Amino acid sequence: MTGSEAPPSFRLAYVPGVTPGKWVRIWQERLPGTPLDLLAVPAAEAERLLREGAADAGVVRLPVDRTVFSAIPLYTETTVVVVPKDHAIAAVDEVALEDLADDVVFHPLDDTLPWQGLPGRPAVERPATTADAIALVAAGVGVLVVPQSLARLHHRRDLTYRPVTDAPRSGVALSWPEDRTTDLVDDFIGIVRGRTVNSARGRRLSPAEPPKGTTKSTKSTAKGTAKDGTKSTTRGTARDQPKDQPKGGARRSGRPAREAAGGTSAAGGRRGAATGRGGTPAGRRGARPGRPRRRS
């Protein structure tokens, strides 16, 4: 790579309501030399963006075309109804679709819920976007049923929301073109699935990095050598020492133990010869026990 070439980047598309911040932070920690570019796209445009190669992967809403895209489901959102704070629904903890029968329920053109039949009374005109529908709810014209993340995204002080127990739900998934599963896509899959930095999948080891376990094996070998060698040798040496050897290890003079005990010196010859038990000179059988020999 020359100095004028930019490093390869990973392009991640995401739809409204999705918050990829946690994954982005982990990416920056693990791959600081590879930029991650975030592309905010409408939910309806996400598949086209991926199909055309404008993004490497996307956090999108299900369903996707599984003949073209691979997908890893991440979570399923709770569905809520957004109402004014003075609406009757604001006084309860949760509602069912039948509780919306008398309300005008907006169905924006960018709705992401897989409806089989729309609840409530239909609006005269469908709002173009969820944001437009939220503005109409604030004006007291009707209510809106959306995934909870979108209710939070468009939060207003004069509005609130409650769970709808029997409404369809929106699933969120990581998706990418199946025929373009690159190394960077594998890296991001590993992050999303919670793999550690040392995981064998979703991570490429640099040539200079030792395989996992090498350091531990080396340490274990070193410890084993110390235990089997140095410690054993030291203990064995202590056991093999004579019992009458003074504590403290080696003697300064370097002479045998018996000579040191008897006070023999190199200049004195037999003077101060070693004695036996009771002070009897070693090698003399006729001397009286207990009486030391008088020196002349």
Protein backbone atom coordinates (compact mmCIF):
# COMPACT_ATOMS: atom_id res chain seq x y z
CA MET A 1 0.00 0.00 0.00
CA THR A 2 1.36 3.37 -0.98
CA GLY A 3 1.06 6.49 1.13
CA SER A 4 -1.66 7.91 -1.12
CA GLU A 5 -3.99 4.91 -0.78
CA ALA A 6 -6.65 4.95 1.92
CA PRO A 7 -7.01 1.86 4.15
CA PRO A 8 -9.97 -0.40 3.35
CA SER A 9 -13.14 0.52 5.22
CA PHE A 10 -16.22 -1.39 6.32
CA ARG A 11 -19.55 0.19 5.33
CA LEU A 12 -22.47 -0.59 7.62
CA ALA A 13 -26.00 0.48 6.75
CA TYR A 14 -28.62 0.76 9.48
CA VAL A 15 -32.31 1.57 9.51
CA PRO A 16 -34.21 4.03 11.78
CA GLY A 17 -34.59 2.82 15.35
CA VAL A 18 -31.42 0.71 15.29
CA THR A 19 -28.51 1.82 17.50
CA PRO A 20 -25.23 0.20 16.35
CA GLY A 21 -23.06 2.29 18.70
CA LYS A 22 -21.96 -0.64 20.91
CA TRP A 23 -20.74 -2.67 17.95
CA VAL A 24 -18.97 0.33 16.46
CA ARG A 25 -17.01 0.90 19.69
CA ILE A 26 -15.89 -2.72 19.80
CA TRP A 27 -14.87 -2.53 16.13
CA GLN A 28 -12.74 0.54 16.80
CA GLU A 29 -11.01 -1.23 19.70
CA ARG A 30 -10.26 -4.42 17.76
CA LEU A 31 -9.57 -3.02 14.31
CA PRO A 32 -8.30 0.53 14.84
CA GLY A 33 -6.65 0.60 11.42
CA THR A 34 -9.88 -0.17 9.54
CA PRO A 35 -12.47 2.63 9.45
CA LEU A 36 -16.15 1.76 9.89
CA ASP A 37 -18.51 3.99 7.92
CA LEU A 38 -22.12 4.22 9.10
CA LEU A 39 -24.85 4.74 6.50
CA ALA A 40 -28.32 5.69 7.78
CA VAL A 41 -30.96 4.51 5.29
CA PRO A 42 -34.77 4.24 5.27
CA ALA A 43 -35.99 0.72 6.02
CA ALA A 44 -37.44 0.36 2.53
CA GLU A 45 -34.10 1.26 0.88
CA ALA A 46 -31.82 -1.04 2.85
CA GLU A 47 -32.07 -4.07 0.56
CA ARG A 48 -31.45 -2.04 -2.58
CA LEU A 49 -28.38 -0.44 -1.01
CA LEU A 50 -26.91 -3.83 -0.13
CA ARG A 51 -27.80 -5.33 -3.49
CA GLU A 52 -26.02 -2.53 -5.35
CA GLY A 53 -22.88 -2.84 -3.21
CA ALA A 54 -23.17 0.60 -1.62
CA ALA A 55 -22.79 -1.07 1.80
CA ASP A 56 -20.97 -4.22 2.93
CA ALA A 57 -23.63 -5.21 5.46
CA GLY A 58 -26.66 -3.72 7.16
CA VAL A 59 -28.67 -3.89 10.36
CA VAL A 60 -32.10 -4.09 8.78
CA ARG A 61 -35.68 -5.07 9.51
CA LEU A 62 -36.95 -8.49 8.56
CA PRO A 63 -37.96 -9.99 6.27
CA VAL A 64 -35.24 -9.91 3.61
CA ASP A 65 -34.85 -11.84 0.37
CA ARG A 66 -33.10 -15.01 1.60
CA THR A 67 -32.30 -16.11 -1.93
CA VAL A 68 -29.87 -13.17 -2.16
CA PHE A 69 -29.01 -12.19 1.41
CA SER A 70 -27.67 -13.97 4.45
CA ALA A 71 -29.25 -12.83 7.70
CA ILE A 72 -28.54 -13.29 11.39
CA PRO A 73 -31.63 -12.41 13.49
CA LEU A 74 -30.62 -10.18 16.39
CA TYR A 75 -33.81 -9.38 18.31
CA THR A 76 -37.54 -8.83 18.01
CA GLU A 77 -39.02 -5.55 19.17
CA THR A 78 -42.04 -4.87 21.31
CA THR A 79 -44.84 -3.11 19.43
CA VAL A 80 -46.40 -0.03 21.05
CA VAL A 81 -49.12 2.50 20.35
CA VAL A 82 -48.18 6.19 20.48
CA VAL A 83 -50.88 8.44 21.92
CA PRO A 84 -51.21 11.95 23.42
CA LYS A 85 -50.58 12.06 27.17
CA ASP A 86 -54.21 13.00 27.83
CA HIS A 87 -55.56 10.01 25.86
CA ALA A 88 -57.48 7.32 27.76
CA ILE A 89 -54.88 4.71 26.80
CA ALA A 90 -52.24 6.63 28.76
CA ALA A 91 -53.99 5.56 31.97
CA VAL A 92 -53.40 1.81 31.42
CA ASP A 93 -50.26 -0.34 31.31
CA GLU A 94 -50.95 -2.15 28.02
CA VAL A 95 -53.68 -2.56 25.41
CA ALA A 96 -54.92 -4.98 22.76
CA LEU A 97 -55.71 -4.17 19.15
CA GLU A 98 -59.43 -4.24 19.86
CA ASP A 99 -58.95 -1.34 22.26
CA LEU A 100 -58.04 0.82 19.25
CA ALA A 101 -61.30 0.13 17.39
CA ASP A 102 -62.65 3.65 17.88
CA ASP A 103 -59.38 5.48 17.12
CA VAL A 104 -57.97 6.61 13.79
CA VAL A 105 -54.81 4.51 13.41
CA PHE A 106 -52.22 5.89 11.01
CA HIS A 107 -50.46 3.58 8.59
CA PRO A 108 -47.46 5.50 7.16
CA LEU A 109 -45.88 4.52 3.87
CA ASP A 110 -42.65 3.51 5.64
CA ASP A 111 -44.45 1.25 8.14
CA THR A 112 -42.30 -1.76 9.07
CA LEU A 113 -44.89 -4.01 10.76
CA PRO A 114 -46.16 -7.09 8.89
CA TRP A 115 -49.87 -6.39 9.20
CA GLN A 116 -52.48 -8.98 8.24
CA GLY A 117 -55.28 -6.50 8.89
CA LEU A 118 -55.07 -2.91 10.02
CA PRO A 119 -56.63 -2.04 13.39
CA GLY A 120 -58.87 0.91 14.18
CA ARG A 121 -60.36 3.34 11.70
CA PRO A 122 -58.36 4.21 8.58
CA ALA A 123 -57.05 7.72 8.06
CA VAL A 124 -58.20 9.81 5.10
CA GLU A 125 -54.65 9.82 3.76
CA ARG A 126 -51.60 7.76 4.64
CA PRO A 127 -48.71 9.84 6.04
CA ALA A 128 -45.52 9.65 3.97
CA THR A 129 -43.24 8.88 6.91
CA THR A 130 -43.37 7.80 10.54
CA ALA A 131 -42.22 11.29 11.53
CA ASP A 132 -45.24 12.80 9.73
CA ALA A 133 -47.55 10.36 11.51
CA ILE A 134 -46.05 11.31 14.88
CA ALA A 135 -46.83 14.97 14.16
CA LEU A 136 -50.46 14.08 13.42
CA VAL A 137 -50.69 12.11 16.70
CA ALA A 138 -49.40 15.16 18.57
CA ALA A 139 -52.14 17.20 16.88
CA GLY A 140 -54.75 14.82 18.32
CA VAL A 141 -55.88 13.45 14.97
CA GLY A 142 -55.23 9.77 15.67
CA VAL A 143 -52.78 7.19 17.10
CA LEU A 144 -49.83 5.27 15.68
CA VAL A 145 -48.70 1.67 16.17
CA VAL A 146 -44.92 1.20 15.69
CA PRO A 147 -41.92 -0.75 17.01
CA GLN A 148 -40.83 0.61 20.38
CA SER A 149 -37.46 1.86 19.05
CA LEU A 150 -39.27 4.17 16.62
CA ALA A 151 -41.48 5.50 19.39
CA ARG A 152 -38.31 6.35 21.32
CA LEU A 153 -36.64 7.81 18.25
CA HIS A 154 -39.53 10.23 17.69
CA HIS A 155 -40.19 10.91 21.36
CA ARG A 156 -42.02 14.10 22.28
CA ARG A 157 -42.90 15.49 25.70
CA ASP A 158 -46.59 15.68 24.87
CA LEU A 159 -46.75 12.01 23.74
CA THR A 160 -46.44 8.62 25.43
CA TYR A 161 -46.73 5.00 24.36
CA ARG A 162 -48.04 1.67 25.68
CA PRO A 163 -47.35 -1.94 24.62
CA VAL A 164 -49.86 -3.63 22.32
CA THR A 165 -49.99 -7.27 23.39
CA ASP A 166 -51.37 -8.88 20.22
CA ALA A 167 -49.86 -6.66 17.49
CA PRO A 168 -47.36 -8.03 14.96
CA ARG A 169 -43.70 -7.45 15.84
CA SER A 170 -40.70 -6.28 13.89
CA GLY A 171 -37.52 -8.37 13.82
CA VAL A 172 -34.06 -6.86 13.37
CA ALA A 173 -31.20 -8.73 11.70
CA LEU A 174 -27.66 -8.31 10.43
CA SER A 175 -27.79 -8.95 6.69
CA TRP A 176 -25.34 -8.95 3.76
CA PRO A 177 -25.19 -10.32 0.19
CA GLU A 178 -24.43 -14.03 0.46
CA ASP A 179 -21.90 -13.97 -2.37
CA ARG A 180 -19.94 -11.12 -0.76
CA THR A 181 -19.00 -12.56 2.63
CA THR A 182 -15.65 -10.84 3.03
CA ASP A 183 -13.13 -10.99 5.89
CA LEU A 184 -14.44 -7.68 7.21
CA VAL A 185 -17.99 -9.02 7.18
CA ASP A 186 -16.75 -12.04 9.18
CA ASP A 187 -15.09 -9.69 11.66
CA PHE A 188 -18.32 -7.76 12.18
CA ILE A 189 -20.33 -10.98 12.52
CA GLY A 190 -17.99 -12.01 15.32
CA ILE A 191 -18.55 -8.70 17.12
CA VAL A 192 -22.33 -8.89 16.79
CA ARG A 193 -22.38 -12.48 18.05
CA GLY A 194 -20.27 -11.55 21.05
CA ARG A 195 -17.13 -13.50 20.19
CA THR A 196 -14.03 -12.59 22.14
CA VAL A 197 -10.96 -11.06 20.54
CA ASN A 198 -9.17 -14.44 20.72
CA SER A 199 -11.98 -16.37 19.07
CA ALA A 200 -10.88 -18.63 16.24
CA ARG A 201 -13.75 -17.36 14.06
CA GLY A 202 -14.37 -13.83 12.92
CA ARG A 203 -10.80 -12.72 13.58
CA ARG A 204 -7.57 -12.79 11.60
CA LEU A 205 -4.34 -13.29 13.51
CA SER A 206 -1.35 -11.28 12.39
CA PRO A 207 1.76 -13.30 11.38
CA ALA A 208 3.68 -11.98 14.39
CA GLU A 209 0.99 -12.98 16.89
CA PRO A 210 1.49 -16.42 18.49
CA PRO A 211 -1.44 -18.81 18.49
CA LYS A 212 -3.61 -18.83 21.57
CA GLY A 213 -2.21 -21.10 24.30
CA THR A 214 1.48 -20.80 23.38
CA THR A 215 2.32 -18.51 26.28
CA LYS A 216 0.40 -20.62 28.75
CA SER A 217 2.12 -23.82 27.58
CA THR A 218 5.51 -22.17 27.88
CA LYS A 219 4.72 -21.02 31.40
CA SER A 220 3.45 -24.44 32.34
CA THR A 221 6.63 -26.06 31.00
CA ALA A 222 8.77 -23.61 32.94
CA LYS A 223 6.82 -24.25 36.12
CA GLY A 224 7.02 -27.98 35.59
CA THR A 225 10.78 -27.77 35.09
CA ALA A 226 11.16 -25.76 38.26
CA LYS A 227 9.05 -28.17 40.25
CA ASP A 228 10.62 -31.34 38.82
CA GLY A 229 14.15 -30.00 38.72
CA THR A 230 15.21 -27.20 41.02
CA LYS A 231 12.85 -27.85 43.92
CA SER A 232 13.33 -31.62 43.85
CA THR A 233 17.11 -31.27 43.69
CA THR A 234 17.14 -28.83 46.59
CA ARG A 235 14.97 -31.03 48.78
CA GLY A 236 16.97 -34.13 47.86
CA THR A 237 20.24 -32.41 48.82
CA ALA A 238 18.82 -31.43 52.20
CA ARG A 239 17.70 -35.01 52.92
CA ASP A 240 21.11 -36.49 51.95
CA GLN A 241 23.08 -34.27 54.34
CA PRO A 242 24.48 -35.92 57.55
CA LYS A 243 22.30 -35.42 60.60
CA ASP A 244 25.21 -34.10 62.68
CA GLN A 245 26.02 -31.34 60.16
CA PRO A 246 25.56 -27.90 61.70
CA LYS A 247 22.63 -25.91 60.40
CA GLY A 248 23.50 -23.08 58.08
CA GLY A 249 24.87 -24.93 55.06
CA ALA A 250 28.54 -24.90 53.93
CA ARG A 251 31.49 -24.51 56.35
CA ARG A 252 33.91 -21.64 55.89
CA SER A 253 37.09 -23.76 56.23
CA GLY A 254 35.91 -26.40 53.77
CA ARG A 255 37.34 -29.21 56.08
CA PRO A 256 35.49 -32.47 56.80
CA ALA A 257 32.92 -32.45 59.56
CA ARG A 258 34.85 -34.63 62.03
CA GLU A 259 38.03 -32.52 61.78
CA ALA A 260 36.05 -29.38 62.33
CA ALA A 261 34.34 -30.90 65.37
CA GLY A 262 37.65 -32.05 66.89
CA GLY A 263 39.55 -28.83 66.23
CA THR A 264 42.22 -30.42 64.00
CA SER A 265 44.41 -27.92 62.15
CA ALA A 266 46.81 -28.41 59.26
CA ALA A 267 49.73 -27.13 61.34
CA GLY A 268 49.03 -29.27 64.46
CA GLY A 269 49.11 -32.76 62.91
CA ARG A 270 47.47 -35.24 65.38
CA ARG A 271 46.97 -32.53 67.95
CA GLY A 272 43.29 -32.30 68.81
CA ALA A 273 42.43 -35.67 67.25
CA ALA A 274 38.76 -36.56 67.00
CA THR A 275 37.31 -38.17 70.11
CA GLY A 276 34.68 -40.80 70.52
CA ARG A 277 31.78 -40.90 72.93
CA GLY A 278 32.42 -39.64 76.44
CA GLY A 279 35.63 -37.93 75.38
CA THR A 280 37.57 -41.22 74.71
CA PRO A 281 40.26 -40.70 72.08
CA ALA A 282 39.33 -42.40 68.83
CA GLY A 283 41.25 -45.64 68.24
CA ARG A 284 42.39 -46.23 71.97
CA ARG A 285 40.53 -49.08 73.67
CA GLY A 286 42.36 -49.13 77.06
CA ALA A 287 41.72 -45.64 78.27
CA ARG A 288 39.30 -45.11 81.09
CA PRO A 289 35.94 -43.85 79.92
CA GLY A 290 35.11 -40.33 80.84
CA ARG A 291 38.76 -39.23 81.60
CA PRO A 292 40.42 -37.23 78.83
CA ARG A 293 44.07 -37.90 78.06
CA ARG A 294 46.58 -35.42 79.58
CA ARG A 295 48.73 -33.75 77.01
CA SER A 296 52.52 -33.64 77.64
